[in-house]
Structures are given as C-alpha cells and as structure tokens.
Amino acid sequence: MRLAKVDTEIAGLIKKAQQDKDVLAIIIFGSRARDDAGPTSDLDVCIVLQPKDYDDLKLSRKRL
C-alpha cells in the first residue's frame, strides 16, 4: 500500500474514533511513527478502549 493511501486510511480511522465514546486513544507505533516507513512497511496501530466487561464476541463485533 502506498504511503499516501495509508495516510488517508489513518485519517479516516482517527475521524471515526473521535466519534466513538469507547475509544480513549489511538497509538501509531513502529516505522510509521518514526517516519522511516518504506514501500513495504505495515501500519502498527493500538486502539485503547474504555474499560468495560468486553468478552471476545463483543470485541470482535466492535468495529471502527
């Protein structure tokens, strides 16, 4: 995936997360965070949710 397309995807993810009351933070890490990503680099993302009693089924249904 080209880096410009990844940037568009990140922007969309952040916009959706800002509207989700369960999302506390989105953390981008790895080569994209260090600004040394190459053409074959992946995107490392951690989404921090409000502490709740999520089970595996509820988490699998939680979509951004």
N, C-alpha and C. Protein backbone atom coordinates (compact mmCIF):
# COMPACT_ATOMS: atom_id res chain seq x y z
N MET A 1 0.85 -1.17 0.00
CA MET A 1 0.00 0.00 0.00
C MET A 1 0.90 1.24 0.00
N ARG A 2 0.59 2.17 -0.86
CA ARG A 2 1.39 3.39 -0.91
C ARG A 2 1.18 4.21 0.35
N LEU A 3 2.23 4.92 0.74
CA LEU A 3 2.17 5.69 2.00
C LEU A 3 1.08 6.75 1.98
N ALA A 4 0.83 7.38 0.83
CA ALA A 4 -0.23 8.38 0.75
C ALA A 4 -1.59 7.75 1.04
N LYS A 5 -1.80 6.54 0.54
CA LYS A 5 -3.06 5.83 0.81
C LYS A 5 -3.16 5.47 2.29
N VAL A 6 -2.04 5.08 2.88
CA VAL A 6 -2.03 4.76 4.31
C VAL A 6 -2.40 6.00 5.12
N ASP A 7 -1.85 7.16 4.74
CA ASP A 7 -2.18 8.41 5.44
C ASP A 7 -3.68 8.69 5.38
N THR A 8 -4.30 8.44 4.23
CA THR A 8 -5.74 8.63 4.08
C THR A 8 -6.50 7.66 4.98
N GLU A 9 -6.04 6.42 5.03
CA GLU A 9 -6.67 5.41 5.89
C GLU A 9 -6.56 5.81 7.37
N ILE A 10 -5.40 6.30 7.77
CA ILE A 10 -5.19 6.74 9.16
C ILE A 10 -6.14 7.89 9.50
N ALA A 11 -6.25 8.85 8.60
CA ALA A 11 -7.13 10.00 8.83
C ALA A 11 -8.58 9.54 9.00
N GLY A 12 -9.01 8.58 8.20
CA GLY A 12 -10.37 8.05 8.32
C GLY A 12 -10.58 7.33 9.64
N LEU A 13 -9.58 6.57 10.06
CA LEU A 13 -9.65 5.85 11.33
C LEU A 13 -9.76 6.82 12.49
N ILE A 14 -8.96 7.86 12.47
CA ILE A 14 -8.99 8.86 13.54
C ILE A 14 -10.34 9.57 13.59
N LYS A 15 -10.88 9.91 12.43
CA LYS A 15 -12.18 10.59 12.38
C LYS A 15 -13.27 9.71 12.99
N LYS A 16 -13.28 8.43 12.65
CA LYS A 16 -14.27 7.52 13.22
C LYS A 16 -14.06 7.36 14.73
N ALA A 17 -12.82 7.26 15.14
CA ALA A 17 -12.51 7.06 16.56
C ALA A 17 -12.94 8.26 17.40
N GLN A 18 -12.83 9.45 16.85
CA GLN A 18 -13.23 10.66 17.58
C GLN A 18 -14.73 10.66 17.87
N GLN A 19 -15.50 9.93 17.09
CA GLN A 19 -16.95 9.86 17.28
C GLN A 19 -17.37 8.68 18.15
N ASP A 20 -16.43 7.83 18.54
CA ASP A 20 -16.74 6.63 19.32
C ASP A 20 -16.41 6.88 20.79
N LYS A 21 -17.42 6.87 21.64
CA LYS A 21 -17.22 7.19 23.05
C LYS A 21 -16.39 6.16 23.79
N ASP A 22 -16.24 4.97 23.23
CA ASP A 22 -15.45 3.92 23.88
C ASP A 22 -13.95 4.06 23.61
N VAL A 23 -13.56 4.84 22.61
CA VAL A 23 -12.15 4.96 22.24
C VAL A 23 -11.48 6.04 23.09
N LEU A 24 -10.46 5.64 23.82
CA LEU A 24 -9.68 6.60 24.62
C LEU A 24 -8.50 7.15 23.84
N ALA A 25 -7.86 6.30 23.03
CA ALA A 25 -6.66 6.72 22.31
C ALA A 25 -6.41 5.80 21.13
N ILE A 26 -5.75 6.36 20.13
CA ILE A 26 -5.21 5.57 19.02
C ILE A 26 -3.71 5.83 19.03
N ILE A 27 -2.94 4.77 19.10
CA ILE A 27 -1.49 4.89 19.16
C ILE A 27 -0.90 4.29 17.89
N ILE A 28 -0.18 5.10 17.14
CA ILE A 28 0.55 4.63 15.97
C ILE A 28 1.99 4.41 16.40
N PHE A 29 2.54 3.24 16.11
CA PHE A 29 3.92 2.96 16.51
C PHE A 29 4.64 2.25 15.38
N GLY A 30 5.90 1.99 15.57
CA GLY A 30 6.69 1.33 14.53
C GLY A 30 7.26 2.33 13.53
N SER A 31 7.52 1.84 12.33
CA SER A 31 8.22 2.66 11.33
C SER A 31 7.41 3.90 10.92
N ARG A 32 6.09 3.81 10.90
CA ARG A 32 5.29 4.99 10.54
C ARG A 32 5.43 6.08 11.61
N ALA A 33 5.45 5.69 12.87
CA ALA A 33 5.60 6.66 13.95
C ALA A 33 6.99 7.29 13.94
N ARG A 34 7.98 6.49 13.54
CA ARG A 34 9.36 7.01 13.49
C ARG A 34 9.63 7.77 12.19
N ASP A 35 8.67 7.76 11.28
CA ASP A 35 8.79 8.42 9.98
C ASP A 35 9.92 7.84 9.14
N ASP A 36 10.09 6.51 9.23
CA ASP A 36 11.08 5.86 8.36
C ASP A 36 10.47 4.65 7.65
N ALA A 37 9.17 4.74 7.36
CA ALA A 37 8.47 3.65 6.68
C ALA A 37 8.90 3.56 5.22
N GLY A 38 8.98 2.35 4.74
CA GLY A 38 9.30 2.09 3.34
C GLY A 38 8.07 1.63 2.59
N PRO A 39 8.21 1.33 1.31
CA PRO A 39 7.05 0.94 0.50
C PRO A 39 6.40 -0.37 0.93
N THR A 40 7.12 -1.21 1.65
CA THR A 40 6.54 -2.48 2.10
C THR A 40 6.23 -2.49 3.60
N SER A 41 6.33 -1.34 4.24
CA SER A 41 6.07 -1.25 5.68
C SER A 41 4.60 -1.44 5.99
N ASP A 42 4.33 -2.04 7.14
CA ASP A 42 2.95 -2.17 7.60
C ASP A 42 2.62 -1.00 8.50
N LEU A 43 1.39 -0.98 8.99
CA LEU A 43 0.93 0.08 9.89
C LEU A 43 0.62 -0.56 11.23
N ASP A 44 1.32 -0.15 12.26
CA ASP A 44 1.12 -0.68 13.61
C ASP A 44 0.22 0.28 14.38
N VAL A 45 -0.94 -0.23 14.81
CA VAL A 45 -1.94 0.60 15.48
C VAL A 45 -2.40 -0.09 16.76
N CYS A 46 -2.51 0.68 17.83
CA CYS A 46 -3.09 0.19 19.08
C CYS A 46 -4.29 1.09 19.39
N ILE A 47 -5.46 0.49 19.56
CA ILE A 47 -6.65 1.25 19.90
C ILE A 47 -6.99 0.95 21.35
N VAL A 48 -7.01 1.99 22.19
CA VAL A 48 -7.28 1.84 23.62
C VAL A 48 -8.75 2.17 23.86
N LEU A 49 -9.48 1.20 24.43
CA LEU A 49 -10.90 1.37 24.70
C LEU A 49 -11.15 1.62 26.18
N GLN A 50 -12.31 2.24 26.47
CA GLN A 50 -12.75 2.40 27.85
C GLN A 50 -12.79 1.03 28.51
N PRO A 51 -12.40 0.93 29.77
CA PRO A 51 -12.50 -0.36 30.45
C PRO A 51 -13.97 -0.75 30.64
N LYS A 52 -14.31 -1.88 30.09
CA LYS A 52 -15.67 -2.43 30.21
C LYS A 52 -15.55 -3.93 30.30
N ASP A 53 -16.65 -4.56 30.48
CA ASP A 53 -16.67 -6.01 30.50
C ASP A 53 -16.85 -6.54 29.08
N TYR A 54 -15.82 -6.41 28.27
CA TYR A 54 -15.87 -6.93 26.91
C TYR A 54 -15.52 -8.41 26.93
N ASP A 55 -16.32 -9.20 26.24
CA ASP A 55 -15.91 -10.58 26.02
C ASP A 55 -15.41 -10.68 24.58
N ASP A 56 -14.89 -11.82 24.20
CA ASP A 56 -14.32 -11.97 22.86
C ASP A 56 -15.33 -11.67 21.76
N LEU A 57 -16.58 -12.09 21.95
CA LEU A 57 -17.60 -11.85 20.94
C LEU A 57 -17.89 -10.36 20.80
N LYS A 58 -18.04 -9.65 21.92
CA LYS A 58 -18.29 -8.21 21.86
C LYS A 58 -17.12 -7.48 21.21
N LEU A 59 -15.90 -7.87 21.55
CA LEU A 59 -14.73 -7.23 20.96
C LEU A 59 -14.66 -7.48 19.46
N SER A 60 -15.01 -8.68 19.03
CA SER A 60 -14.96 -8.97 17.60
C SER A 60 -16.02 -8.19 16.83
N ARG A 61 -17.08 -7.80 17.51
CA ARG A 61 -18.14 -7.01 16.86
C ARG A 61 -17.87 -5.52 16.91
N LYS A 62 -16.94 -5.10 17.76
CA LYS A 62 -16.59 -3.68 17.88
C LYS A 62 -15.77 -3.29 16.65
N ARG A 63 -16.33 -2.50 15.81
CA ARG A 63 -15.67 -2.12 14.57
C ARG A 63 -15.58 -0.61 14.49
N LEU A 64 -14.47 -0.14 13.94
CA LEU A 64 -14.34 1.29 13.67
C LEU A 64 -14.59 1.52 12.21
